[in-house]
Amino acid sequence: MRSKERYKNATILFAKALFTLYDLIIFSKLKKLPKNHNERFRILE
């Protein structure tokens, strides 16, 4: 059970790191940060 929990935590942290990277890319191009996931995905389309 413990290893499943570690994979879950690692996956969550990896996703957060990706979202941070996406926000950095968006900010460097638009000088604006998305307010939520929906706005982020709309900008990235």
PDB file of N, CA and C in Angstrom:
ATOM      1  N   MET A   1       0.816  -1.199   0.000  1.00  0.00           N
ATOM      2  CA  MET A   1       0.000   0.000   0.000  1.00  0.00           C
ATOM      3  C   MET A   1       0.858   1.261   0.000  1.00  0.00           C
ATOM      4  N   ARG A   2       1.939   1.209   0.709  1.00  0.00           N
ATOM      5  CA  ARG A   2       2.771   2.402   0.844  1.00  0.00           C
ATOM      6  C   ARG A   2       3.335   2.849  -0.503  1.00  0.00           C
ATOM      7  N   SER A   3       3.713   1.911  -1.356  1.00  0.00           N
ATOM      8  CA  SER A   3       4.293   2.300  -2.647  1.00  0.00           C
ATOM      9  C   SER A   3       3.232   2.954  -3.540  1.00  0.00           C
ATOM     10  N   LYS A   4       1.984   2.519  -3.446  1.00  0.00           N
ATOM     11  CA  LYS A   4       0.914   3.165  -4.224  1.00  0.00           C
ATOM     12  C   LYS A   4       0.745   4.614  -3.797  1.00  0.00           C
ATOM     13  N   GLU A   5       0.835   4.843  -2.504  1.00  0.00           N
ATOM     14  CA  GLU A   5       0.700   6.201  -1.983  1.00  0.00           C
ATOM     15  C   GLU A   5       1.856   7.074  -2.480  1.00  0.00           C
ATOM     16  N   ARG A   6       3.045   6.500  -2.545  1.00  0.00           N
ATOM     17  CA  ARG A   6       4.212   7.261  -3.016  1.00  0.00           C
ATOM     18  C   ARG A   6       4.067   7.607  -4.495  1.00  0.00           C
ATOM     19  N   TYR A   7       3.552   6.656  -5.298  1.00  0.00           N
ATOM     20  CA  TYR A   7       3.335   6.943  -6.718  1.00  0.00           C
ATOM     21  C   TYR A   7       2.284   8.037  -6.900  1.00  0.00           C
ATOM     22  N   LYS A   8       1.246   7.977  -6.087  1.00  0.00           N
ATOM     23  CA  LYS A   8       0.193   8.995  -6.161  1.00  0.00           C
ATOM     24  C   LYS A   8       0.771  10.372  -5.828  1.00  0.00           C
ATOM     25  N   ASN A   9       1.544  10.463  -4.758  1.00  0.00           N
ATOM     26  CA  ASN A   9       2.157  11.729  -4.373  1.00  0.00           C
ATOM     27  C   ASN A   9       3.124  12.227  -5.435  1.00  0.00           C
ATOM     28  N   ALA A  10       3.902  11.324  -5.995  1.00  0.00           N
ATOM     29  CA  ALA A  10       4.856  11.707  -7.039  1.00  0.00           C
ATOM     30  C   ALA A  10       4.121  12.217  -8.277  1.00  0.00           C
ATOM     31  N   THR A  11       3.014  11.593  -8.625  1.00  0.00           N
ATOM     32  CA  THR A  11       2.226  12.017  -9.784  1.00  0.00           C
ATOM     33  C   THR A  11       1.639  13.407  -9.560  1.00  0.00           C
ATOM     34  N   ILE A  12       1.133  13.647  -8.371  1.00  0.00           N
ATOM     35  CA  ILE A  12       0.563  14.953  -8.040  1.00  0.00           C
ATOM     36  C   ILE A  12       1.642  16.035  -8.115  1.00  0.00           C
ATOM     37  N   LEU A  13       2.807  15.768  -7.550  1.00  0.00           N
ATOM     38  CA  LEU A  13       3.887  16.752  -7.579  1.00  0.00           C
ATOM     39  C   LEU A  13       4.387  17.000  -9.002  1.00  0.00           C
ATOM     40  N   PHE A  14       4.431  15.950  -9.805  1.00  0.00           N
ATOM     41  CA  PHE A  14       4.843  16.096 -11.205  1.00  0.00           C
ATOM     42  C   PHE A  14       3.848  16.979 -11.964  1.00  0.00           C
ATOM     43  N   ALA A  15       2.559  16.760 -11.751  1.00  0.00           N
ATOM     44  CA  ALA A  15       1.523  17.567 -12.412  1.00  0.00           C
ATOM     45  C   ALA A  15       1.643  19.030 -11.985  1.00  0.00           C
ATOM     46  N   LYS A  16       1.871  19.274 -10.699  1.00  0.00           N
ATOM     47  CA  LYS A  16       2.026  20.645 -10.227  1.00  0.00           C
ATOM     48  C   LYS A  16       3.240  21.314 -10.865  1.00  0.00           C
ATOM     49  N   ALA A  17       4.311  20.558 -11.035  1.00  0.00           N
ATOM     50  CA  ALA A  17       5.507  21.099 -11.682  1.00  0.00           C
ATOM     51  C   ALA A  17       5.216  21.447 -13.134  1.00  0.00           C
ATOM     52  N   LEU A  18       4.460  20.596 -13.834  1.00  0.00           N
ATOM     53  CA  LEU A  18       4.099  20.893 -15.221  1.00  0.00           C
ATOM     54  C   LEU A  18       3.232  22.144 -15.315  1.00  0.00           C
ATOM     55  N   PHE A  19       2.260  22.274 -14.433  1.00  0.00           N
ATOM     56  CA  PHE A  19       1.397  23.458 -14.451  1.00  0.00           C
ATOM     57  C   PHE A  19       2.211  24.721 -14.180  1.00  0.00           C
ATOM     58  N   THR A  20       3.184  24.628 -13.298  1.00  0.00           N
ATOM     59  CA  THR A  20       4.049  25.771 -13.026  1.00  0.00           C
ATOM     60  C   THR A  20       4.861  26.135 -14.259  1.00  0.00           C
ATOM     61  N   LEU A  21       5.355  25.131 -14.955  1.00  0.00           N
ATOM     62  CA  LEU A  21       6.102  25.373 -16.195  1.00  0.00           C
ATOM     63  C   LEU A  21       5.204  26.010 -17.250  1.00  0.00           C
ATOM     64  N   TYR A  22       3.989  25.504 -17.389  1.00  0.00           N
ATOM     65  CA  TYR A  22       3.036  26.104 -18.340  1.00  0.00           C
ATOM     66  C   TYR A  22       2.758  27.558 -17.982  1.00  0.00           C
ATOM     67  N   ASP A  23       2.591  27.835 -16.690  1.00  0.00           N
ATOM     68  CA  ASP A  23       2.340  29.210 -16.260  1.00  0.00           C
ATOM     69  C   ASP A  23       3.528  30.112 -16.583  1.00  0.00           C
ATOM     70  N   LEU A  24       4.727  29.597 -16.426  1.00  0.00           N
ATOM     71  CA  LEU A  24       5.922  30.369 -16.756  1.00  0.00           C
ATOM     72  C   LEU A  24       5.963  30.686 -18.251  1.00  0.00           C
ATOM     73  N   ILE A  25       5.630  29.722 -19.083  1.00  0.00           N
ATOM     74  CA  ILE A  25       5.605  29.924 -20.531  1.00  0.00           C
ATOM     75  C   ILE A  25       4.544  30.966 -20.891  1.00  0.00           C
ATOM     76  N   ILE A  26       3.357  30.828 -20.320  1.00  0.00           N
ATOM     77  CA  ILE A  26       2.272  31.776 -20.587  1.00  0.00           C
ATOM     78  C   ILE A  26       2.686  33.175 -20.152  1.00  0.00           C
ATOM     79  N   PHE A  27       3.257  33.286 -18.964  1.00  0.00           N
ATOM     80  CA  PHE A  27       3.643  34.600 -18.461  1.00  0.00           C
ATOM     81  C   PHE A  27       4.746  35.225 -19.316  1.00  0.00           C
ATOM     82  N   SER A  28       5.694  34.430 -19.763  1.00  0.00           N
ATOM     83  CA  SER A  28       6.789  34.990 -20.564  1.00  0.00           C
ATOM     84  C   SER A  28       6.289  35.515 -21.909  1.00  0.00           C
ATOM     85  N   LYS A  29       5.215  34.920 -22.431  1.00  0.00           N
ATOM     86  CA  LYS A  29       4.689  35.358 -23.726  1.00  0.00           C
ATOM     87  C   LYS A  29       3.608  36.426 -23.602  1.00  0.00           C
ATOM     88  N   LEU A  30       2.727  36.297 -22.617  1.00  0.00           N
ATOM     89  CA  LEU A  30       1.570  37.185 -22.511  1.00  0.00           C
ATOM     90  C   LEU A  30       1.646  38.177 -21.351  1.00  0.00           C
ATOM     91  N   LYS A  31       2.614  37.997 -20.465  1.00  0.00           N
ATOM     92  CA  LYS A  31       2.726  38.820 -19.252  1.00  0.00           C
ATOM     93  C   LYS A  31       1.442  38.786 -18.438  1.00  0.00           C
ATOM     94  N   LYS A  32       0.859  37.590 -18.382  1.00  0.00           N
ATOM     95  CA  LYS A  32      -0.398  37.385 -17.663  1.00  0.00           C
ATOM     96  C   LYS A  32      -0.409  35.962 -17.119  1.00  0.00           C
ATOM     97  N   LEU A  33      -0.925  35.794 -15.922  1.00  0.00           N
ATOM     98  CA  LEU A  33      -1.047  34.453 -15.350  1.00  0.00           C
ATOM     99  C   LEU A  33      -2.506  34.015 -15.388  1.00  0.00           C
ATOM    100  N   PRO A  34      -2.764  32.751 -15.739  1.00  0.00           N
ATOM    101  CA  PRO A  34      -4.146  32.264 -15.746  1.00  0.00           C
ATOM    102  C   PRO A  34      -4.703  32.198 -14.325  1.00  0.00           C
ATOM    103  N   LYS A  35      -6.015  32.431 -14.226  1.00  0.00           N
ATOM    104  CA  LYS A  35      -6.668  32.421 -12.919  1.00  0.00           C
ATOM    105  C   LYS A  35      -7.041  31.012 -12.456  1.00  0.00           C
ATOM    106  N   ASN A  36      -7.208  30.099 -13.414  1.00  0.00           N
ATOM    107  CA  ASN A  36      -7.609  28.743 -13.059  1.00  0.00           C
ATOM    108  C   ASN A  36      -7.204  27.775 -14.183  1.00  0.00           C
ATOM    109  N   HIS A  37      -7.509  26.493 -13.987  1.00  0.00           N
ATOM    110  CA  HIS A  37      -7.142  25.481 -14.979  1.00  0.00           C
ATOM    111  C   HIS A  37      -7.822  25.718 -16.318  1.00  0.00           C
ATOM    112  N   ASN A  38      -9.087  26.087 -16.286  1.00  0.00           N
ATOM    113  CA  ASN A  38      -9.814  26.311 -17.540  1.00  0.00           C
ATOM    114  C   ASN A  38      -9.172  27.404 -18.373  1.00  0.00           C
ATOM    115  N   GLU A  39      -8.824  28.500 -17.742  1.00  0.00           N
ATOM    116  CA  GLU A  39      -8.185  29.592 -18.462  1.00  0.00           C
ATOM    117  C   GLU A  39      -6.816  29.164 -19.002  1.00  0.00           C
ATOM    118  N   ARG A  40      -6.079  28.410 -18.201  1.00  0.00           N
ATOM    119  CA  ARG A  40      -4.769  27.916 -18.624  1.00  0.00           C
ATOM    120  C   ARG A  40      -4.908  27.065 -19.891  1.00  0.00           C
ATOM    121  N   PHE A  41      -5.846  26.140 -19.893  1.00  0.00           N
ATOM    122  CA  PHE A  41      -6.008  25.248 -21.042  1.00  0.00           C
ATOM    123  C   PHE A  41      -6.509  26.001 -22.266  1.00  0.00           C
ATOM    124  N   ARG A  42      -7.360  27.007 -22.062  1.00  0.00           N
ATOM    125  CA  ARG A  42      -7.838  27.829 -23.171  1.00  0.00           C
ATOM    126  C   ARG A  42      -6.672  28.573 -23.824  1.00  0.00           C
ATOM    127  N   ILE A  43      -5.798  29.136 -23.009  1.00  0.00           N
ATOM    128  CA  ILE A  43      -4.635  29.874 -23.527  1.00  0.00           C
ATOM    129  C   ILE A  43      -3.697  28.921 -24.272  1.00  0.00           C
ATOM    130  N   LEU A  44      -3.529  27.727 -23.770  1.00  0.00           N
ATOM    131  CA  LEU A  44      -2.581  26.773 -24.364  1.00  0.00           C
ATOM    132  C   LEU A  44      -3.105  26.103 -25.639  1.00  0.00           C
ATOM    133  N   GLU A  45      -4.388  26.227 -25.915  1.00  0.00           N
ATOM    134  CA  GLU A  45      -4.949  25.587 -27.121  1.00  0.00           C
ATOM    135  C   GLU A  45      -4.388  26.177 -28.381  1.00  0.00           C
TER     136      GLU A  45
END
